[in-house]
PDB file of N, CA and C in Angstrom:
ATOM      1  N   MET A   1      53.340  21.815  31.300  1.00  0.00           N
ATOM      2  CA  MET A   1      53.919  21.719  32.629  1.00  0.00           C
ATOM      3  C   MET A   1      54.304  23.108  33.133  1.00  0.00           C
ATOM      4  N   THR A   2      54.792  23.936  32.233  1.00  0.00           N
ATOM      5  CA  THR A   2      55.175  25.284  32.642  1.00  0.00           C
ATOM      6  C   THR A   2      53.946  26.093  33.040  1.00  0.00           C
ATOM      7  N   LEU A   3      52.917  26.063  32.214  1.00  0.00           N
ATOM      8  CA  LEU A   3      51.726  26.854  32.504  1.00  0.00           C
ATOM      9  C   LEU A   3      50.918  26.278  33.653  1.00  0.00           C
ATOM     10  N   ARG A   4      50.744  24.975  33.694  1.00  0.00           N
ATOM     11  CA  ARG A   4      49.911  24.345  34.730  1.00  0.00           C
ATOM     12  C   ARG A   4      50.605  24.192  36.077  1.00  0.00           C
ATOM     13  N   TYR A   5      51.900  23.881  36.045  1.00  0.00           N
ATOM     14  CA  TYR A   5      52.590  23.515  37.285  1.00  0.00           C
ATOM     15  C   TYR A   5      53.762  24.431  37.633  1.00  0.00           C
ATOM     16  N   GLY A   6      54.006  25.461  36.817  1.00  0.00           N
ATOM     17  CA  GLY A   6      55.052  26.420  37.121  1.00  0.00           C
ATOM     18  C   GLY A   6      56.462  25.887  36.940  1.00  0.00           C
ATOM     19  N   LEU A   7      56.607  24.792  36.224  1.00  0.00           N
ATOM     20  CA  LEU A   7      57.918  24.195  35.999  1.00  0.00           C
ATOM     21  C   LEU A   7      58.687  25.031  34.982  1.00  0.00           C
ATOM     22  N   PRO A   8      59.964  25.334  35.233  1.00  0.00           N
ATOM     23  CA  PRO A   8      60.742  26.064  34.237  1.00  0.00           C
ATOM     24  C   PRO A   8      60.675  25.340  32.885  1.00  0.00           C
ATOM     25  N   HIS A   9      60.609  26.104  31.822  1.00  0.00           N
ATOM     26  CA  HIS A   9      60.399  25.547  30.482  1.00  0.00           C
ATOM     27  C   HIS A   9      61.462  24.510  30.103  1.00  0.00           C
ATOM     28  N   GLY A  10      62.716  24.780  30.414  1.00  0.00           N
ATOM     29  CA  GLY A  10      63.783  23.839  30.065  1.00  0.00           C
ATOM     30  C   GLY A  10      63.617  22.497  30.756  1.00  0.00           C
ATOM     31  N   ILE A  11      63.211  22.520  32.016  1.00  0.00           N
ATOM     32  CA  ILE A  11      62.971  21.280  32.756  1.00  0.00           C
ATOM     33  C   ILE A  11      61.732  20.593  32.196  1.00  0.00           C
ATOM     34  N   ALA A  12      60.703  21.374  31.901  1.00  0.00           N
ATOM     35  CA  ALA A  12      59.475  20.808  31.337  1.00  0.00           C
ATOM     36  C   ALA A  12      59.765  20.076  30.029  1.00  0.00           C
ATOM     37  N   CYS A  13      60.676  20.594  29.248  1.00  0.00           N
ATOM     38  CA  CYS A  13      61.043  19.934  27.985  1.00  0.00           C
ATOM     39  C   CYS A  13      61.952  18.734  28.223  1.00  0.00           C
ATOM     40  N   SER A  14      62.884  18.850  29.128  1.00  0.00           N
ATOM     41  CA  SER A  14      63.903  17.808  29.268  1.00  0.00           C
ATOM     42  C   SER A  14      63.455  16.607  30.085  1.00  0.00           C
ATOM     43  N   PHE A  15      62.608  16.785  31.083  1.00  0.00           N
ATOM     44  CA  PHE A  15      62.295  15.647  31.941  1.00  0.00           C
ATOM     45  C   PHE A  15      61.534  14.554  31.206  1.00  0.00           C
ATOM     46  N   THR A  16      60.892  14.893  30.106  1.00  0.00           N
ATOM     47  CA  THR A  16      60.147  13.894  29.340  1.00  0.00           C
ATOM     48  C   THR A  16      60.986  13.239  28.235  1.00  0.00           C
ATOM     49  N   LEU A  17      62.233  13.613  28.087  1.00  0.00           N
ATOM     50  CA  LEU A  17      63.045  13.045  27.007  1.00  0.00           C
ATOM     51  C   LEU A  17      63.116  11.517  27.027  1.00  0.00           C
ATOM     52  N   PRO A  18      63.276  10.864  28.171  1.00  0.00           N
ATOM     53  CA  PRO A  18      63.264   9.399  28.140  1.00  0.00           C
ATOM     54  C   PRO A  18      61.926   8.842  27.627  1.00  0.00           C
ATOM     55  N   LEU A  19      60.831   9.453  28.036  1.00  0.00           N
ATOM     56  CA  LEU A  19      59.518   9.034  27.563  1.00  0.00           C
ATOM     57  C   LEU A  19      59.413   9.216  26.049  1.00  0.00           C
ATOM     58  N   VAL A  20      59.828  10.372  25.561  1.00  0.00           N
ATOM     59  CA  VAL A  20      59.758  10.660  24.124  1.00  0.00           C
ATOM     60  C   VAL A  20      60.644   9.696  23.341  1.00  0.00           C
ATOM     61  N   LEU A  21      61.846   9.435  23.844  1.00  0.00           N
ATOM     62  CA  LEU A  21      62.739   8.490  23.175  1.00  0.00           C
ATOM     63  C   LEU A  21      62.080   7.119  23.073  1.00  0.00           C
ATOM     64  N   GLY A  22      61.507   6.656  24.164  1.00  0.00           N
ATOM     65  CA  GLY A  22      60.844   5.361  24.154  1.00  0.00           C
ATOM     66  C   GLY A  22      59.661   5.302  23.205  1.00  0.00           C
ATOM     67  N   MET A  23      58.945   6.412  23.083  1.00  0.00           N
ATOM     68  CA  MET A  23      57.796   6.460  22.188  1.00  0.00           C
ATOM     69  C   MET A  23      58.224   6.557  20.727  1.00  0.00           C
ATOM     70  N   ALA A  24      59.317   7.273  20.463  1.00  0.00           N
ATOM     71  CA  ALA A  24      59.765   7.486  19.086  1.00  0.00           C
ATOM     72  C   ALA A  24      60.446   6.248  18.508  1.00  0.00           C
ATOM     73  N   TRP A  25      61.178   5.529  19.342  1.00  0.00           N
ATOM     74  CA  TRP A  25      61.927   4.358  18.871  1.00  0.00           C
ATOM     75  C   TRP A  25      60.939   3.229  18.604  1.00  0.00           C
ATOM     76  N   GLY A  26      60.921   2.774  17.387  1.00  0.00           N
ATOM     77  CA  GLY A  26      60.017   1.697  17.013  1.00  0.00           C
ATOM     78  C   GLY A  26      58.924   2.138  16.069  1.00  0.00           C
ATOM     79  N   GLU A  27      58.931   3.405  15.708  1.00  0.00           N
ATOM     80  CA  GLU A  27      57.898   3.933  14.822  1.00  0.00           C
ATOM     81  C   GLU A  27      58.325   3.981  13.361  1.00  0.00           C
ATOM     82  N   HIS A  28      59.618   4.231  13.111  1.00  0.00           N
ATOM     83  CA  HIS A  28      60.116   4.371  11.737  1.00  0.00           C
ATOM     84  C   HIS A  28      61.489   3.710  11.633  1.00  0.00           C
ATOM     85  N   PRO A  29      61.667   2.755  10.721  1.00  0.00           N
ATOM     86  CA  PRO A  29      62.936   2.028  10.617  1.00  0.00           C
ATOM     87  C   PRO A  29      64.163   2.925  10.436  1.00  0.00           C
ATOM     88  N   ASP A  30      64.060   3.964   9.613  1.00  0.00           N
ATOM     89  CA  ASP A  30      65.217   4.853   9.403  1.00  0.00           C
ATOM     90  C   ASP A  30      65.597   5.573  10.691  1.00  0.00           C
ATOM     91  N   ARG A  31      64.609   6.065  11.407  1.00  0.00           N
ATOM     92  CA  ARG A  31      64.881   6.751  12.673  1.00  0.00           C
ATOM     93  C   ARG A  31      65.423   5.758  13.697  1.00  0.00           C
ATOM     94  N   ASP A  32      64.863   4.558  13.714  1.00  0.00           N
ATOM     95  CA  ASP A  32      65.345   3.535  14.645  1.00  0.00           C
ATOM     96  C   ASP A  32      66.821   3.235  14.406  1.00  0.00           C
ATOM     97  N   ALA A  33      67.207   3.144  13.142  1.00  0.00           N
ATOM     98  CA  ALA A  33      68.611   2.872  12.814  1.00  0.00           C
ATOM     99  C   ALA A  33      69.500   4.016  13.288  1.00  0.00           C
ATOM    100  N   ALA A  34      69.037   5.251  13.105  1.00  0.00           N
ATOM    101  CA  ALA A  34      69.819   6.403  13.557  1.00  0.00           C
ATOM    102  C   ALA A  34      69.932   6.409  15.079  1.00  0.00           C
ATOM    103  N   LEU A  35      68.852   6.134  15.777  1.00  0.00           N
ATOM    104  CA  LEU A  35      68.889   6.107  17.237  1.00  0.00           C
ATOM    105  C   LEU A  35      69.792   4.986  17.737  1.00  0.00           C
ATOM    106  N   GLN A  36      69.748   3.859  17.070  1.00  0.00           N
ATOM    107  CA  GLN A  36      70.603   2.745  17.473  1.00  0.00           C
ATOM    108  C   GLN A  36      72.071   3.115  17.294  1.00  0.00           C
ATOM    109  N   ARG A  37      72.391   3.828  16.200  1.00  0.00           N
ATOM    110  CA  ARG A  37      73.780   4.280  15.991  1.00  0.00           C
ATOM    111  C   ARG A  37      74.193   5.290  17.060  1.00  0.00           C
ATOM    112  N   VAL A  38      73.328   6.230  17.362  1.00  0.00           N
ATOM    113  CA  VAL A  38      73.644   7.272  18.340  1.00  0.00           C
ATOM    114  C   VAL A  38      73.854   6.678  19.729  1.00  0.00           C
ATOM    115  N   PHE A  39      72.945   5.810  20.144  1.00  0.00           N
ATOM    116  CA  PHE A  39      73.007   5.270  21.498  1.00  0.00           C
ATOM    117  C   PHE A  39      73.828   3.986  21.592  1.00  0.00           C
ATOM    118  N   ASP A  40      74.106   3.372  20.441  1.00  0.00           N
ATOM    119  CA  ASP A  40      74.912   2.146  20.378  1.00  0.00           C
ATOM    120  C   ASP A  40      74.371   1.058  21.301  1.00  0.00           C
ATOM    121  N   THR A  41      73.050   0.953  21.349  1.00  0.00           N
ATOM    122  CA  THR A  41      72.414  -0.057  22.199  1.00  0.00           C
ATOM    123  C   THR A  41      70.955  -0.192  21.796  1.00  0.00           C
ATOM    124  N   ASP A  42      70.210  -0.964  22.532  1.00  0.00           N
ATOM    125  CA  ASP A  42      68.791  -1.154  22.261  1.00  0.00           C
ATOM    126  C   ASP A  42      67.966  -0.038  22.909  1.00  0.00           C
ATOM    127  N   ARG A  43      66.711  -0.009  22.566  1.00  0.00           N
ATOM    128  CA  ARG A  43      65.794   1.038  23.036  1.00  0.00           C
ATOM    129  C   ARG A  43      65.737   1.125  24.565  1.00  0.00           C
ATOM    130  N   ASN A  44      65.490   0.018  25.232  1.00  0.00           N
ATOM    131  CA  ASN A  44      65.325   0.062  26.684  1.00  0.00           C
ATOM    132  C   ASN A  44      66.581   0.536  27.402  1.00  0.00           C
ATOM    133  N   THR A  45      67.736   0.084  26.935  1.00  0.00           N
ATOM    134  CA  THR A  45      68.990   0.526  27.551  1.00  0.00           C
ATOM    135  C   THR A  45      69.209   2.007  27.288  1.00  0.00           C
ATOM    136  N   ALA A  46      68.901   2.466  26.076  1.00  0.00           N
ATOM    137  CA  ALA A  46      69.062   3.882  25.744  1.00  0.00           C
ATOM    138  C   ALA A  46      68.168   4.753  26.618  1.00  0.00           C
ATOM    139  N   VAL A  47      66.927   4.337  26.791  1.00  0.00           N
ATOM    140  CA  VAL A  47      65.998   5.093  27.644  1.00  0.00           C
ATOM    141  C   VAL A  47      66.547   5.157  29.066  1.00  0.00           C
ATOM    142  N   GLY A  48      67.036   4.045  29.572  1.00  0.00           N
ATOM    143  CA  GLY A  48      67.609   4.013  30.919  1.00  0.00           C
ATOM    144  C   GLY A  48      68.825   4.903  31.050  1.00  0.00           C
ATOM    145  N   ARG A  49      69.685   4.884  30.043  1.00  0.00           N
ATOM    146  CA  ARG A  49      70.883   5.736  30.080  1.00  0.00           C
ATOM    147  C   ARG A  49      70.508   7.214  30.057  1.00  0.00           C
ATOM    148  N   LEU A  50      69.541   7.562  29.232  1.00  0.00           N
ATOM    149  CA  LEU A  50      69.107   8.954  29.165  1.00  0.00           C
ATOM    150  C   LEU A  50      68.496   9.381  30.494  1.00  0.00           C
ATOM    151  N   ARG A  51      67.690   8.513  31.078  1.00  0.00           N
ATOM    152  CA  ARG A  51      67.081   8.806  32.384  1.00  0.00           C
ATOM    153  C   ARG A  51      68.177   8.983  33.440  1.00  0.00           C
ATOM    154  N   ASP A  52      69.168   8.085  33.448  1.00  0.00           N
ATOM    155  CA  ASP A  52      70.273   8.185  34.409  1.00  0.00           C
ATOM    156  C   ASP A  52      71.060   9.476  34.220  1.00  0.00           C
ATOM    157  N   PHE A  53      71.294   9.857  32.967  1.00  0.00           N
ATOM    158  CA  PHE A  53      72.010  11.102  32.683  1.00  0.00           C
ATOM    159  C   PHE A  53      71.253  12.303  33.255  1.00  0.00           C
ATOM    160  N   LEU A  54      69.951  12.347  33.018  1.00  0.00           N
ATOM    161  CA  LEU A  54      69.153  13.450  33.555  1.00  0.00           C
ATOM    162  C   LEU A  54      69.164  13.450  35.077  1.00  0.00           C
ATOM    163  N   HIS A  55      69.133  12.282  35.678  1.00  0.00           N
ATOM    164  CA  HIS A  55      69.195  12.196  37.144  1.00  0.00           C
ATOM    165  C   HIS A  55      70.525  12.738  37.654  1.00  0.00           C
ATOM    166  N   GLN A  56      71.614  12.488  36.920  1.00  0.00           N
ATOM    167  CA  GLN A  56      72.918  13.038  37.315  1.00  0.00           C
ATOM    168  C   GLN A  56      72.893  14.560  37.292  1.00  0.00           C
ATOM    169  N   LEU A  57      72.068  15.119  36.420  1.00  0.00           N
ATOM    170  CA  LEU A  57      71.917  16.577  36.340  1.00  0.00           C
ATOM    171  C   LEU A  57      70.868  17.091  37.330  1.00  0.00           C
ATOM    172  N   GLU A  58      70.371  16.177  38.169  1.00  0.00           N
ATOM    173  CA  GLU A  58      69.346  16.475  39.156  1.00  0.00           C
ATOM    174  C   GLU A  58      68.020  16.888  38.529  1.00  0.00           C
ATOM    175  N   VAL A  59      67.738  16.306  37.362  1.00  0.00           N
ATOM    176  CA  VAL A  59      66.444  16.477  36.704  1.00  0.00           C
ATOM    177  C   VAL A  59      65.651  15.209  36.960  1.00  0.00           C
ATOM    178  N   ARG A  60      64.569  15.347  37.684  1.00  0.00           N
ATOM    179  CA  ARG A  60      63.691  14.195  37.931  1.00  0.00           C
ATOM    180  C   ARG A  60      62.908  13.901  36.657  1.00  0.00           C
ATOM    181  N   THR A  61      62.587  12.646  36.412  1.00  0.00           N
ATOM    182  CA  THR A  61      62.071  12.257  35.094  1.00  0.00           C
ATOM    183  C   THR A  61      60.684  11.626  35.107  1.00  0.00           C
ATOM    184  N   GLU A  62      59.958  11.777  36.183  1.00  0.00           N
ATOM    185  CA  GLU A  62      58.596  11.240  36.240  1.00  0.00           C
ATOM    186  C   GLU A  62      57.612  12.382  36.498  1.00  0.00           C
ATOM    187  N   PHE A  63      56.464  12.303  35.884  1.00  0.00           N
ATOM    188  CA  PHE A  63      55.451  13.323  36.121  1.00  0.00           C
ATOM    189  C   PHE A  63      55.139  13.439  37.613  1.00  0.00           C
ATOM    190  N   SER A  64      55.083  12.301  38.282  1.00  0.00           N
ATOM    191  CA  SER A  64      54.762  12.312  39.713  1.00  0.00           C
ATOM    192  C   SER A  64      55.787  13.084  40.528  1.00  0.00           C
ATOM    193  N   ASP A  65      57.031  13.177  40.023  1.00  0.00           N
ATOM    194  CA  ASP A  65      58.063  13.964  40.701  1.00  0.00           C
ATOM    195  C   ASP A  65      57.680  15.439  40.784  1.00  0.00           C
ATOM    196  N   TYR A  66      56.765  15.854  39.917  1.00  0.00           N
ATOM    197  CA  TYR A  66      56.360  17.257  39.852  1.00  0.00           C
ATOM    198  C   TYR A  66      54.912  17.450  40.313  1.00  0.00           C
ATOM    199  N   GLY A  67      54.383  16.449  41.029  1.00  0.00           N
ATOM    200  CA  GLY A  67      53.048  16.570  41.590  1.00  0.00           C
ATOM    201  C   GLY A  67      51.926  16.321  40.604  1.00  0.00           C
ATOM    202  N   VAL A  68      52.216  15.646  39.504  1.00  0.00           N
ATOM    203  CA  VAL A  68      51.210  15.388  38.474  1.00  0.00           C
ATOM    204  C   VAL A  68      50.697  13.960  38.639  1.00  0.00           C
ATOM    205  N   SER A  69      49.383  13.816  38.711  1.00  0.00           N
ATOM    206  CA  SER A  69      48.799  12.476  38.832  1.00  0.00           C
ATOM    207  C   SER A  69      48.996  11.704  37.535  1.00  0.00           C
ATOM    208  N   ALA A  70      48.909  10.389  37.629  1.00  0.00           N
ATOM    209  CA  ALA A  70      49.045   9.538  36.441  1.00  0.00           C
ATOM    210  C   ALA A  70      47.981   9.886  35.409  1.00  0.00           C
ATOM    211  N   GLN A  71      46.758  10.138  35.853  1.00  0.00           N
ATOM    212  CA  GLN A  71      45.678  10.489  34.931  1.00  0.00           C
ATOM    213  C   GLN A  71      45.960  11.813  34.225  1.00  0.00           C
ATOM    214  N   ASP A  72      46.380  12.827  34.978  1.00  0.00           N
ATOM    215  CA  ASP A  72      46.708  14.119  34.356  1.00  0.00           C
ATOM    216  C   ASP A  72      47.879  13.978  33.394  1.00  0.00           C
ATOM    217  N   ALA A  73      48.870  13.174  33.745  1.00  0.00           N
ATOM    218  CA  ALA A  73      50.021  12.961  32.864  1.00  0.00           C
ATOM    219  C   ALA A  73      49.567  12.318  31.562  1.00  0.00           C
ATOM    220  N   ARG A  74      48.740  11.275  31.651  1.00  0.00           N
ATOM    221  CA  ARG A  74      48.242  10.622  30.430  1.00  0.00           C
ATOM    222  C   ARG A  74      47.475  11.614  29.556  1.00  0.00           C
ATOM    223  N   GLU A  75      46.651  12.434  30.179  1.00  0.00           N
ATOM    224  CA  GLU A  75      45.881  13.417  29.414  1.00  0.00           C
ATOM    225  C   GLU A  75      46.781  14.438  28.738  1.00  0.00           C
ATOM    226  N   MET A  76      47.810  14.912  29.436  1.00  0.00           N
ATOM    227  CA  MET A  76      48.732  15.879  28.840  1.00  0.00           C
ATOM    228  C   MET A  76      49.504  15.264  27.673  1.00  0.00           C
ATOM    229  N   VAL A  77      49.968  14.036  27.856  1.00  0.00           N
ATOM    230  CA  VAL A  77      50.712  13.373  26.782  1.00  0.00           C
ATOM    231  C   VAL A  77      49.789  13.120  25.592  1.00  0.00           C
ATOM    232  N   GLN A  78      48.586  12.642  25.865  1.00  0.00           N
ATOM    233  CA  GLN A  78      47.626  12.395  24.780  1.00  0.00           C
ATOM    234  C   GLN A  78      47.348  13.687  24.021  1.00  0.00           C
ATOM    235  N   HIS A  79      47.151  14.778  24.733  1.00  0.00           N
ATOM    236  CA  HIS A  79      46.911  16.073  24.096  1.00  0.00           C
ATOM    237  C   HIS A  79      48.113  16.466  23.229  1.00  0.00           C
ATOM    238  N   ALA A  80      49.315  16.304  23.761  1.00  0.00           N
ATOM    239  CA  ALA A  80      50.523  16.641  23.002  1.00  0.00           C
ATOM    240  C   ALA A  80      50.651  15.785  21.751  1.00  0.00           C
ATOM    241  N   MET A  81      50.258  14.524  21.852  1.00  0.00           N
ATOM    242  CA  MET A  81      50.372  13.621  20.707  1.00  0.00           C
ATOM    243  C   MET A  81      49.377  13.951  19.605  1.00  0.00           C
ATOM    244  N   GLN A  82      48.351  14.704  19.916  1.00  0.00           N
ATOM    245  CA  GLN A  82      47.371  15.103  18.908  1.00  0.00           C
ATOM    246  C   GLN A  82      47.782  16.374  18.174  1.00  0.00           C
ATOM    247  N   SER A  83      48.812  17.036  18.673  1.00  0.00           N
ATOM    248  CA  SER A  83      49.276  18.259  18.022  1.00  0.00           C
ATOM    249  C   SER A  83      50.035  17.914  16.743  1.00  0.00           C
ATOM    250  N   ALA A  84      50.264  18.905  15.930  1.00  0.00           N
ATOM    251  CA  ALA A  84      51.006  18.692  14.682  1.00  0.00           C
ATOM    252  C   ALA A  84      52.395  18.132  14.964  1.00  0.00           C
ATOM    253  N   ARG A  85      53.075  18.645  15.997  1.00  0.00           N
ATOM    254  CA  ARG A  85      54.409  18.142  16.324  1.00  0.00           C
ATOM    255  C   ARG A  85      54.369  16.692  16.762  1.00  0.00           C
ATOM    256  N   GLY A  86      53.420  16.353  17.606  1.00  0.00           N
ATOM    257  CA  GLY A  86      53.307  14.978  18.073  1.00  0.00           C
ATOM    258  C   GLY A  86      53.054  14.016  16.931  1.00  0.00           C
ATOM    259  N   LYS A  87      52.159  14.367  16.053  1.00  0.00           N
ATOM    260  CA  LYS A  87      51.846  13.516  14.907  1.00  0.00           C
ATOM    261  C   LYS A  87      53.019  13.443  13.932  1.00  0.00           C
ATOM    262  N   ASN A  88      53.711  14.535  13.758  1.00  0.00           N
ATOM    263  CA  ASN A  88      54.833  14.579  12.829  1.00  0.00           C
ATOM    264  C   ASN A  88      56.027  13.801  13.347  1.00  0.00           C
ATOM    265  N   PHE A  89      56.371  13.988  14.607  1.00  0.00           N
ATOM    266  CA  PHE A  89      57.584  13.409  15.148  1.00  0.00           C
ATOM    267  C   PHE A  89      57.427  11.952  15.543  1.00  0.00           C
ATOM    268  N   ILE A  90      56.381  11.628  16.233  1.00  0.00           N
ATOM    269  CA  ILE A  90      56.209  10.274  16.766  1.00  0.00           C
ATOM    270  C   ILE A  90      55.355   9.432  15.827  1.00  0.00           C
ATOM    271  N   GLY A  91      54.251   9.944  15.396  1.00  0.00           N
ATOM    272  CA  GLY A  91      53.312   9.175  14.600  1.00  0.00           C
ATOM    273  C   GLY A  91      51.996   9.074  15.333  1.00  0.00           C
ATOM    274  N   THR A  92      50.978   8.708  14.620  1.00  0.00           N
ATOM    275  CA  THR A  92      49.640   8.698  15.202  1.00  0.00           C
ATOM    276  C   THR A  92      49.280   7.372  15.867  1.00  0.00           C
ATOM    277  N   GLN A  93      50.058   6.336  15.653  1.00  0.00           N
ATOM    278  CA  GLN A  93      49.711   5.024  16.176  1.00  0.00           C
ATOM    279  C   GLN A  93      50.405   4.691  17.497  1.00  0.00           C
ATOM    280  N   THR A  94      51.210   5.582  18.017  1.00  0.00           N
ATOM    281  CA  THR A  94      51.972   5.307  19.219  1.00  0.00           C
ATOM    282  C   THR A  94      51.056   5.153  20.422  1.00  0.00           C
ATOM    283  N   SER A  95      51.265   4.108  21.193  1.00  0.00           N
ATOM    284  CA  SER A  95      50.513   3.956  22.429  1.00  0.00           C
ATOM    285  C   SER A  95      51.230   4.706  23.538  1.00  0.00           C
ATOM    286  N   ILE A  96      50.477   5.142  24.501  1.00  0.00           N
ATOM    287  CA  ILE A  96      51.025   5.923  25.593  1.00  0.00           C
ATOM    288  C   ILE A  96      51.033   5.044  26.841  1.00  0.00           C
ATOM    289  N   ALA A  97      52.215   4.720  27.291  1.00  0.00           N
ATOM    290  CA  ALA A  97      52.344   3.907  28.503  1.00  0.00           C
ATOM    291  C   ALA A  97      53.139   4.678  29.538  1.00  0.00           C
ATOM    292  N   LEU A  98      52.451   5.177  30.528  1.00  0.00           N
ATOM    293  CA  LEU A  98      53.098   5.916  31.602  1.00  0.00           C
ATOM    294  C   LEU A  98      53.068   5.062  32.859  1.00  0.00           C
ATOM    295  N   PRO A  99      54.100   5.216  33.686  1.00  0.00           N
ATOM    296  CA  PRO A  99      54.106   4.469  34.953  1.00  0.00           C
ATOM    297  C   PRO A  99      52.954   4.882  35.849  1.00  0.00           C
TER     298      PRO A  99
END
Protein backbone atom coordinates (compact mmCIF):
# COMPACT_ATOMS: atom_id res chain seq x y z
CA MET A 1 0.00 0.00 0.00
CA THR A 2 2.87 2.34 0.76
CA LEU A 3 4.71 1.68 -2.48
CA ARG A 4 1.67 1.36 -4.77
CA TYR A 5 -0.68 3.93 -3.28
CA GLY A 6 1.56 6.28 -1.28
CA LEU A 7 -0.12 5.42 2.01
CA PRO A 8 2.01 6.17 5.09
CA HIS A 9 3.52 2.91 6.35
CA GLY A 10 1.85 3.06 9.78
CA ILE A 11 -1.59 3.47 8.22
CA ALA A 12 -0.82 0.76 5.67
CA CYS A 13 -0.06 -1.62 8.54
CA SER A 14 -2.89 -0.60 10.84
CA PHE A 15 -5.88 -0.32 8.53
CA THR A 16 -5.77 -4.05 7.81
CA LEU A 17 -5.68 -5.11 11.48
CA PRO A 18 -9.38 -6.04 11.61
CA LEU A 19 -8.92 -8.16 8.47
CA VAL A 20 -5.82 -9.84 9.91
CA LEU A 21 -7.56 -10.49 13.23
CA GLY A 22 -10.48 -12.11 11.44
CA MET A 23 -8.15 -14.25 9.35
CA ALA A 24 -5.95 -15.30 12.28
CA TRP A 25 -8.78 -16.21 14.66
CA GLY A 26 -9.85 -19.75 13.96
CA GLU A 27 -6.56 -21.10 12.68
CA HIS A 28 -4.90 -22.34 15.90
CA PRO A 29 -6.68 -23.28 19.16
CA ASP A 30 -3.95 -21.84 21.42
CA ARG A 31 -3.96 -18.51 19.60
CA ASP A 32 -7.76 -18.49 19.56
CA ALA A 33 -7.80 -18.92 23.34
CA ALA A 34 -5.33 -16.06 23.77
CA LEU A 35 -7.34 -13.79 21.47
CA GLN A 36 -10.54 -14.66 23.28
CA ARG A 37 -8.88 -13.73 26.61
CA VAL A 38 -7.52 -10.46 25.22
CA PHE A 39 -10.75 -9.34 23.58
CA ASP A 40 -13.08 -11.05 26.09
CA THR A 41 -15.57 -11.79 23.32
CA ASP A 42 -16.07 -13.75 20.12
CA ARG A 43 -14.22 -13.22 16.85
CA ASN A 44 -16.85 -11.14 15.05
CA THR A 45 -17.36 -8.78 17.99
CA ALA A 46 -13.60 -8.40 18.43
CA VAL A 47 -13.14 -7.55 14.75
CA GLY A 48 -15.94 -4.98 15.00
CA ARG A 49 -14.46 -3.43 18.13
CA LEU A 50 -11.03 -3.17 16.55
CA ARG A 51 -12.54 -1.61 13.43
CA ASP A 52 -14.51 0.88 15.57
CA PHE A 53 -11.37 1.76 17.54
CA LEU A 54 -9.45 2.50 14.34
CA HIS A 55 -12.35 4.59 13.07
CA GLN A 56 -12.20 6.64 16.29
CA LEU A 57 -8.56 7.32 15.40
CA GLU A 58 -9.76 8.39 11.94
CA VAL A 59 -8.13 5.37 10.29
CA ARG A 60 -10.35 4.04 7.54
CA THR A 61 -10.35 0.24 7.41
CA GLU A 62 -11.35 -0.80 3.90
CA PHE A 63 -9.12 -1.06 0.87
CA SER A 64 -11.72 0.87 -1.10
CA ASP A 65 -11.24 3.79 1.33
CA TYR A 66 -7.79 4.16 -0.22
CA GLY A 67 -8.84 3.81 -3.86
CA VAL A 68 -8.02 0.10 -4.15
CA SER A 69 -10.37 -2.08 -6.18
CA ALA A 70 -11.68 -5.31 -4.68
CA GLN A 71 -9.68 -7.31 -7.23
CA ASP A 72 -6.43 -5.47 -6.45
CA ALA A 73 -7.07 -5.88 -2.71
CA ARG A 74 -7.59 -9.64 -3.10
CA GLU A 75 -4.40 -9.91 -5.13
CA MET A 76 -2.37 -7.95 -2.57
CA VAL A 77 -3.71 -10.01 0.33
CA GLN A 78 -3.13 -13.26 -1.57
CA HIS A 79 0.44 -12.17 -2.33
CA ALA A 80 1.02 -11.28 1.34
CA MET A 81 -0.36 -14.64 2.44
CA GLN A 82 2.20 -16.43 0.29
CA SER A 83 5.10 -14.72 2.04
CA ALA A 84 6.95 -16.35 4.92
CA ARG A 85 5.21 -14.03 7.40
CA GLY A 86 1.77 -14.77 6.03
CA LYS A 87 2.32 -18.51 6.13
CA ASN A 88 3.91 -18.35 9.58
CA PHE A 89 1.38 -16.10 11.26
CA ILE A 90 -1.94 -17.03 9.69
CA GLY A 91 -1.40 -20.40 8.05
CA THR A 92 -1.64 -21.64 4.52
CA GLN A 93 -5.28 -22.77 4.58
CA THR A 94 -6.87 -19.41 5.38
CA SER A 95 -9.48 -18.25 2.90
CA ILE A 96 -9.48 -14.63 1.88
CA ALA A 97 -12.85 -12.93 2.12
CA LEU A 98 -12.82 -9.24 1.34
CA PRO A 99 -15.88 -7.04 1.05
